[in-house]
Amino acid sequence: MFPSLPASAQTAAPAQAQDLAAAAPTPAKVSKKLFGAWVRGDRHAAAKVATPSAVKAVFAYVYRAPDKFAGCSGNVCRFVHTSVNVPGGLDGFAMVVSGSKVTKVYRSRHLTKPSSVAAHLFSAWTRNDRYQGLEVARTGVVNKLFQVKFDPKGVAYTFQGCSKEPKGYSCAYSYEGGAMFMHVRGSKTTGYEVHSISYIAD
């Protein structure tokens, strides 16, 4: 029979594994470090836990700091406003974490032209990027638009511009057989958002 290993040696490996797991940063911890650095205005600290593009994005946020950490879904963590209305359904930040760094920051956008809002949402759809869509559009709008995946080999969409309507603007994309209308609300001061979306058939 082989001599048994001391109990301390038997437990060393599992203990080391537990220590490594405990030391590994969670998406929540990483995102909170970036959020804290931004609140303090500390770009140096932010650069330690985020890529340059993520740092640039978070420091470009024009609204006051979101007041609630809304948790993480997988590797995407949310910080949201509970007492301030901002454009879109994102309501603050969505931070994408990879390992020990935030690699992308989605944020509520302050866009001052209806056409820019429409273009931003349309671009999000072509990329199948729901979080980008939520930067400028209500959640219901994003859900409706993304029910059908954009097909780059399908019908071509042509932007027809934006026109005034009773409560804001209607921005149209025509395609063979019909058109899609993004109904934009807001103002230059508060920023515009896509409030609803509709379709017509020829």
C-alpha atoms as a PDB file:
ATOM      1  CA  MET A   1       0.000   0.000   0.000  1.00  0.00           C
ATOM      2  CA  PHE A   2       1.124   3.493  -0.743  1.00  0.00           C
ATOM      3  CA  PRO A   3       1.460   5.866   2.191  1.00  0.00           C
ATOM      4  CA  SER A   4      -1.373   8.366   2.292  1.00  0.00           C
ATOM      5  CA  LEU A   5      -0.610  12.047   1.789  1.00  0.00           C
ATOM      6  CA  PRO A   6      -0.877  14.347   4.777  1.00  0.00           C
ATOM      7  CA  ALA A   7      -4.278  15.971   5.077  1.00  0.00           C
ATOM      8  CA  SER A   8      -2.688  19.395   4.589  1.00  0.00           C
ATOM      9  CA  ALA A   9      -1.297  18.359   1.207  1.00  0.00           C
ATOM     10  CA  GLN A  10      -4.638  16.860   0.156  1.00  0.00           C
ATOM     11  CA  THR A  11      -6.479  20.094   0.863  1.00  0.00           C
ATOM     12  CA  ALA A  12      -3.833  22.419  -0.586  1.00  0.00           C
ATOM     13  CA  ALA A  13      -4.917  22.105  -4.217  1.00  0.00           C
ATOM     14  CA  PRO A  14      -8.643  22.740  -3.627  1.00  0.00           C
ATOM     15  CA  ALA A  15      -7.785  25.641  -1.332  1.00  0.00           C
ATOM     16  CA  GLN A  16      -5.526  27.178  -3.976  1.00  0.00           C
ATOM     17  CA  ALA A  17      -8.288  26.811  -6.555  1.00  0.00           C
ATOM     18  CA  GLN A  18     -10.718  28.546  -4.214  1.00  0.00           C
ATOM     19  CA  ASP A  19      -8.238  31.369  -3.639  1.00  0.00           C
ATOM     20  CA  LEU A  20      -7.814  31.864  -7.385  1.00  0.00           C
ATOM     21  CA  ALA A  21     -11.566  31.889  -7.890  1.00  0.00           C
ATOM     22  CA  ALA A  22     -11.966  34.430  -5.116  1.00  0.00           C
ATOM     23  CA  ALA A  23      -9.220  36.597  -6.598  1.00  0.00           C
ATOM     24  CA  ALA A  24     -10.674  36.528 -10.121  1.00  0.00           C
ATOM     25  CA  PRO A  25     -12.573  39.783 -10.660  1.00  0.00           C
ATOM     26  CA  THR A  26     -16.284  39.428 -11.321  1.00  0.00           C
ATOM     27  CA  PRO A  27     -18.009  41.580 -13.962  1.00  0.00           C
ATOM     28  CA  ALA A  28     -19.780  43.417 -11.133  1.00  0.00           C
ATOM     29  CA  LYS A  29     -16.510  44.302  -9.376  1.00  0.00           C
ATOM     30  CA  VAL A  30     -14.811  45.425 -12.582  1.00  0.00           C
ATOM     31  CA  SER A  31     -17.720  47.567 -13.740  1.00  0.00           C
ATOM     32  CA  LYS A  32     -18.096  49.162 -10.298  1.00  0.00           C
ATOM     33  CA  LYS A  33     -14.411  50.110 -10.333  1.00  0.00           C
ATOM     34  CA  LEU A  34     -14.844  51.900 -13.651  1.00  0.00           C
ATOM     35  CA  PHE A  35     -18.044  53.571 -12.490  1.00  0.00           C
ATOM     36  CA  GLY A  36     -16.351  54.752  -9.293  1.00  0.00           C
ATOM     37  CA  ALA A  37     -13.361  56.103 -11.211  1.00  0.00           C
ATOM     38  CA  TRP A  38     -15.690  58.022 -13.522  1.00  0.00           C
ATOM     39  CA  VAL A  39     -17.658  59.515 -10.623  1.00  0.00           C
ATOM     40  CA  ARG A  40     -14.359  60.706  -9.108  1.00  0.00           C
ATOM     41  CA  GLY A  41     -13.160  62.023 -12.460  1.00  0.00           C
ATOM     42  CA  ASP A  42     -10.105  59.749 -12.231  1.00  0.00           C
ATOM     43  CA  ARG A  43      -9.113  58.772 -15.774  1.00  0.00           C
ATOM     44  CA  HIS A  44      -5.919  57.100 -14.545  1.00  0.00           C
ATOM     45  CA  ALA A  45      -7.849  54.681 -12.322  1.00  0.00           C
ATOM     46  CA  ALA A  46     -10.381  54.124 -15.101  1.00  0.00           C
ATOM     47  CA  ALA A  47      -7.611  53.160 -17.525  1.00  0.00           C
ATOM     48  CA  LYS A  48      -6.572  50.334 -15.186  1.00  0.00           C
ATOM     49  CA  VAL A  49      -9.926  48.579 -15.498  1.00  0.00           C
ATOM     50  CA  ALA A  50     -11.122  49.537 -18.989  1.00  0.00           C
ATOM     51  CA  THR A  51      -9.952  49.763 -22.582  1.00  0.00           C
ATOM     52  CA  PRO A  52      -9.214  53.237 -23.999  1.00  0.00           C
ATOM     53  CA  SER A  53     -12.448  53.249 -26.019  1.00  0.00           C
ATOM     54  CA  ALA A  54     -14.484  52.288 -22.939  1.00  0.00           C
ATOM     55  CA  VAL A  55     -12.844  55.045 -20.881  1.00  0.00           C
ATOM     56  CA  LYS A  56     -13.569  57.569 -23.633  1.00  0.00           C
ATOM     57  CA  ALA A  57     -17.205  56.460 -23.805  1.00  0.00           C
ATOM     58  CA  VAL A  58     -17.907  56.641 -20.079  1.00  0.00           C
ATOM     59  CA  PHE A  59     -16.284  60.070 -19.752  1.00  0.00           C
ATOM     60  CA  ALA A  60     -18.393  61.324 -22.670  1.00  0.00           C
ATOM     61  CA  TYR A  61     -21.601  60.802 -20.675  1.00  0.00           C
ATOM     62  CA  VAL A  62     -23.418  64.139 -20.426  1.00  0.00           C
ATOM     63  CA  TYR A  63     -26.024  63.320 -17.789  1.00  0.00           C
ATOM     64  CA  ARG A  64     -25.491  63.091 -14.058  1.00  0.00           C
ATOM     65  CA  ALA A  65     -24.393  59.785 -12.562  1.00  0.00           C
ATOM     66  CA  PRO A  66     -26.943  56.942 -12.538  1.00  0.00           C
ATOM     67  CA  ASP A  67     -27.980  56.241  -8.954  1.00  0.00           C
ATOM     68  CA  LYS A  68     -28.584  52.472  -9.022  1.00  0.00           C
ATOM     69  CA  PHE A  69     -26.480  49.412  -9.842  1.00  0.00           C
ATOM     70  CA  ALA A  70     -28.949  47.139 -11.639  1.00  0.00           C
ATOM     71  CA  GLY A  71     -26.824  43.994 -11.588  1.00  0.00           C
ATOM     72  CA  CYS A  72     -25.233  41.963 -14.357  1.00  0.00           C
ATOM     73  CA  SER A  73     -26.642  39.702 -17.041  1.00  0.00           C
ATOM     74  CA  GLY A  74     -23.749  37.464 -17.970  1.00  0.00           C
ATOM     75  CA  ASN A  75     -20.846  39.835 -18.587  1.00  0.00           C
ATOM     76  CA  VAL A  76     -22.992  42.958 -19.123  1.00  0.00           C
ATOM     77  CA  CYS A  77     -23.560  45.168 -16.074  1.00  0.00           C
ATOM     78  CA  ARG A  78     -26.075  48.012 -15.816  1.00  0.00           C
ATOM     79  CA  PHE A  79     -26.096  51.300 -13.928  1.00  0.00           C
ATOM     80  CA  VAL A  80     -29.450  53.077 -14.214  1.00  0.00           C
ATOM     81  CA  HIS A  81     -31.286  56.261 -13.323  1.00  0.00           C
ATOM     82  CA  THR A  82     -34.300  55.982 -11.040  1.00  0.00           C
ATOM     83  CA  SER A  83     -35.182  59.681 -10.727  1.00  0.00           C
ATOM     84  CA  VAL A  84     -34.009  61.250 -14.001  1.00  0.00           C
ATOM     85  CA  ASN A  85     -35.488  60.772 -17.455  1.00  0.00           C
ATOM     86  CA  VAL A  86     -32.900  60.301 -20.193  1.00  0.00           C
ATOM     87  CA  PRO A  87     -33.412  59.346 -23.850  1.00  0.00           C
ATOM     88  CA  GLY A  88     -33.708  55.690 -24.820  1.00  0.00           C
ATOM     89  CA  GLY A  89     -34.369  52.518 -22.888  1.00  0.00           C
ATOM     90  CA  LEU A  90     -30.859  52.022 -21.549  1.00  0.00           C
ATOM     91  CA  ASP A  91     -31.431  54.548 -18.726  1.00  0.00           C
ATOM     92  CA  GLY A  92     -27.725  54.997 -18.037  1.00  0.00           C
ATOM     93  CA  PHE A  93     -24.852  52.610 -18.704  1.00  0.00           C
ATOM     94  CA  ALA A  94     -24.409  49.034 -19.892  1.00  0.00           C
ATOM     95  CA  MET A  95     -20.805  47.899 -19.435  1.00  0.00           C
ATOM     96  CA  VAL A  96     -19.432  44.843 -21.218  1.00  0.00           C
ATOM     97  CA  VAL A  97     -16.730  43.105 -19.167  1.00  0.00           C
ATOM     98  CA  SER A  98     -14.115  40.706 -20.488  1.00  0.00           C
ATOM     99  CA  GLY A  99     -11.780  39.266 -17.853  1.00  0.00           C
ATOM    100  CA  SER A 100     -10.451  42.098 -15.708  1.00  0.00           C
ATOM    101  CA  LYS A 101     -11.484  44.977 -17.981  1.00  0.00           C
ATOM    102  CA  VAL A 102     -14.529  46.769 -19.286  1.00  0.00           C
ATOM    103  CA  THR A 103     -14.204  46.492 -23.058  1.00  0.00           C
ATOM    104  CA  LYS A 104     -17.267  48.461 -24.160  1.00  0.00           C
ATOM    105  CA  VAL A 105     -19.597  51.010 -22.627  1.00  0.00           C
ATOM    106  CA  TYR A 106     -23.088  51.663 -23.956  1.00  0.00           C
ATOM    107  CA  ARG A 107     -24.650  54.880 -22.671  1.00  0.00           C
ATOM    108  CA  SER A 108     -27.806  56.938 -22.980  1.00  0.00           C
ATOM    109  CA  ARG A 109     -27.087  59.350 -25.805  1.00  0.00           C
ATOM    110  CA  HIS A 110     -27.758  63.065 -26.053  1.00  0.00           C
ATOM    111  CA  LEU A 111     -28.369  63.485 -29.779  1.00  0.00           C
ATOM    112  CA  THR A 112     -29.731  66.820 -30.972  1.00  0.00           C
ATOM    113  CA  LYS A 113     -30.980  65.869 -34.457  1.00  0.00           C
ATOM    114  CA  PRO A 114     -33.881  63.492 -35.188  1.00  0.00           C
ATOM    115  CA  SER A 115     -32.006  62.186 -38.230  1.00  0.00           C
ATOM    116  CA  SER A 116     -28.999  61.271 -36.056  1.00  0.00           C
ATOM    117  CA  VAL A 117     -31.226  59.301 -33.697  1.00  0.00           C
ATOM    118  CA  ALA A 118     -32.825  57.419 -36.588  1.00  0.00           C
ATOM    119  CA  ALA A 119     -29.432  56.645 -38.131  1.00  0.00           C
ATOM    120  CA  HIS A 120     -28.091  55.397 -34.786  1.00  0.00           C
ATOM    121  CA  LEU A 121     -30.997  53.008 -34.308  1.00  0.00           C
ATOM    122  CA  PHE A 122     -30.872  51.794 -37.907  1.00  0.00           C
ATOM    123  CA  SER A 123     -27.129  51.133 -37.567  1.00  0.00           C
ATOM    124  CA  ALA A 124     -27.778  49.153 -34.373  1.00  0.00           C
ATOM    125  CA  TRP A 125     -30.318  47.014 -36.213  1.00  0.00           C
ATOM    126  CA  THR A 126     -27.924  46.277 -39.086  1.00  0.00           C
ATOM    127  CA  ARG A 127     -25.359  45.132 -36.504  1.00  0.00           C
ATOM    128  CA  ASN A 128     -27.905  43.169 -34.460  1.00  0.00           C
ATOM    129  CA  ASP A 129     -26.757  45.238 -31.468  1.00  0.00           C
ATOM    130  CA  ARG A 130     -29.700  45.718 -29.117  1.00  0.00           C
ATOM    131  CA  TYR A 131     -27.730  47.687 -26.534  1.00  0.00           C
ATOM    132  CA  GLN A 132     -26.721  50.234 -29.174  1.00  0.00           C
ATOM    133  CA  GLY A 133     -30.380  50.526 -30.094  1.00  0.00           C
ATOM    134  CA  LEU A 134     -31.349  51.141 -26.478  1.00  0.00           C
ATOM    135  CA  GLU A 135     -28.965  54.118 -26.381  1.00  0.00           C
ATOM    136  CA  VAL A 136     -31.500  56.114 -28.428  1.00  0.00           C
ATOM    137  CA  ALA A 137     -34.772  54.165 -28.492  1.00  0.00           C
ATOM    138  CA  ARG A 138     -37.408  52.943 -26.058  1.00  0.00           C
ATOM    139  CA  THR A 139     -37.276  49.275 -25.091  1.00  0.00           C
ATOM    140  CA  GLY A 140     -40.542  48.524 -26.895  1.00  0.00           C
ATOM    141  CA  VAL A 141     -39.173  50.048 -30.098  1.00  0.00           C
ATOM    142  CA  VAL A 142     -36.024  47.928 -29.952  1.00  0.00           C
ATOM    143  CA  ASN A 143     -38.043  44.786 -29.243  1.00  0.00           C
ATOM    144  CA  LYS A 144     -40.322  45.463 -32.205  1.00  0.00           C
ATOM    145  CA  LEU A 145     -37.534  46.354 -34.649  1.00  0.00           C
ATOM    146  CA  PHE A 146     -35.360  43.400 -33.665  1.00  0.00           C
ATOM    147  CA  GLN A 147     -38.179  40.869 -34.071  1.00  0.00           C
ATOM    148  CA  VAL A 148     -36.954  40.605 -37.655  1.00  0.00           C
ATOM    149  CA  LYS A 149     -33.211  40.278 -38.109  1.00  0.00           C
ATOM    150  CA  PHE A 150     -31.676  42.643 -40.648  1.00  0.00           C
ATOM    151  CA  ASP A 151     -30.707  40.805 -43.822  1.00  0.00           C
ATOM    152  CA  PRO A 152     -27.781  42.463 -45.649  1.00  0.00           C
ATOM    153  CA  LYS A 153     -28.731  40.454 -48.744  1.00  0.00           C
ATOM    154  CA  GLY A 154     -32.404  41.350 -48.500  1.00  0.00           C
ATOM    155  CA  VAL A 155     -34.301  44.443 -49.623  1.00  0.00           C
ATOM    156  CA  ALA A 156     -32.395  47.729 -49.656  1.00  0.00           C
ATOM    157  CA  TYR A 157     -33.450  50.483 -47.242  1.00  0.00           C
ATOM    158  CA  THR A 158     -33.223  54.129 -48.317  1.00  0.00           C
ATOM    159  CA  PHE A 159     -33.339  56.960 -45.793  1.00  0.00           C
ATOM    160  CA  GLN A 160     -35.948  59.522 -46.861  1.00  0.00           C
ATOM    161  CA  GLY A 161     -35.282  62.101 -44.157  1.00  0.00           C
ATOM    162  CA  CYS A 162     -37.357  63.368 -41.251  1.00  0.00           C
ATOM    163  CA  SER A 163     -40.512  65.463 -41.342  1.00  0.00           C
ATOM    164  CA  LYS A 164     -42.457  67.183 -38.591  1.00  0.00           C
ATOM    165  CA  GLU A 165     -45.535  65.528 -37.139  1.00  0.00           C
ATOM    166  CA  PRO A 166     -47.863  66.703 -34.312  1.00  0.00           C
ATOM    167  CA  LYS A 167     -45.699  65.557 -31.388  1.00  0.00           C
ATOM    168  CA  GLY A 168     -42.244  65.444 -32.944  1.00  0.00           C
ATOM    169  CA  TYR A 169     -40.707  64.030 -36.088  1.00  0.00           C
ATOM    170  CA  SER A 170     -41.196  61.045 -38.354  1.00  0.00           C
ATOM    171  CA  CYS A 171     -38.035  59.636 -39.940  1.00  0.00           C
ATOM    172  CA  ALA A 172     -38.629  57.306 -42.872  1.00  0.00           C
ATOM    173  CA  TYR A 173     -36.734  54.426 -44.431  1.00  0.00           C
ATOM    174  CA  SER A 174     -38.285  53.193 -47.670  1.00  0.00           C
ATOM    175  CA  TYR A 175     -37.813  49.766 -49.178  1.00  0.00           C
ATOM    176  CA  GLU A 176     -39.355  47.794 -52.004  1.00  0.00           C
ATOM    177  CA  GLY A 177     -42.915  47.136 -50.962  1.00  0.00           C
ATOM    178  CA  GLY A 178     -43.239  49.628 -48.131  1.00  0.00           C
ATOM    179  CA  ALA A 179     -41.614  51.913 -45.592  1.00  0.00           C
ATOM    180  CA  MET A 180     -40.568  52.032 -41.956  1.00  0.00           C
ATOM    181  CA  PHE A 181     -41.202  55.133 -39.858  1.00  0.00           C
ATOM    182  CA  MET A 182     -39.311  55.999 -36.693  1.00  0.00           C
ATOM    183  CA  HIS A 183     -41.340  58.432 -34.598  1.00  0.00           C
ATOM    184  CA  VAL A 184     -38.905  60.684 -32.749  1.00  0.00           C
ATOM    185  CA  ARG A 185     -39.700  62.697 -29.634  1.00  0.00           C
ATOM    186  CA  GLY A 186     -37.727  65.081 -27.424  1.00  0.00           C
ATOM    187  CA  SER A 187     -35.859  68.336 -27.980  1.00  0.00           C
ATOM    188  CA  LYS A 188     -32.372  69.677 -28.616  1.00  0.00           C
ATOM    189  CA  THR A 189     -32.086  70.468 -24.915  1.00  0.00           C
ATOM    190  CA  THR A 190     -33.114  67.081 -23.533  1.00  0.00           C
ATOM    191  CA  GLY A 191     -32.004  65.006 -26.510  1.00  0.00           C
ATOM    192  CA  TYR A 192     -34.152  63.046 -28.960  1.00  0.00           C
ATOM    193  CA  GLU A 193     -35.235  59.400 -28.819  1.00  0.00           C
ATOM    194  CA  VAL A 194     -37.216  57.004 -30.992  1.00  0.00           C
ATOM    195  CA  HIS A 195     -40.517  56.745 -29.142  1.00  0.00           C
ATOM    196  CA  SER A 196     -42.307  54.351 -31.488  1.00  0.00           C
ATOM    197  CA  ILE A 197     -42.006  52.685 -34.878  1.00  0.00           C
ATOM    198  CA  SER A 198     -44.539  51.878 -37.582  1.00  0.00           C
ATOM    199  CA  TYR A 199     -44.682  50.326 -41.032  1.00  0.00           C
ATOM    200  CA  ILE A 200     -46.750  50.788 -44.180  1.00  0.00           C
ATOM    201  CA  ALA A 201     -47.067  48.594 -47.252  1.00  0.00           C
ATOM    202  CA  ASP A 202     -47.337  49.935 -50.780  1.00  0.00           C
END
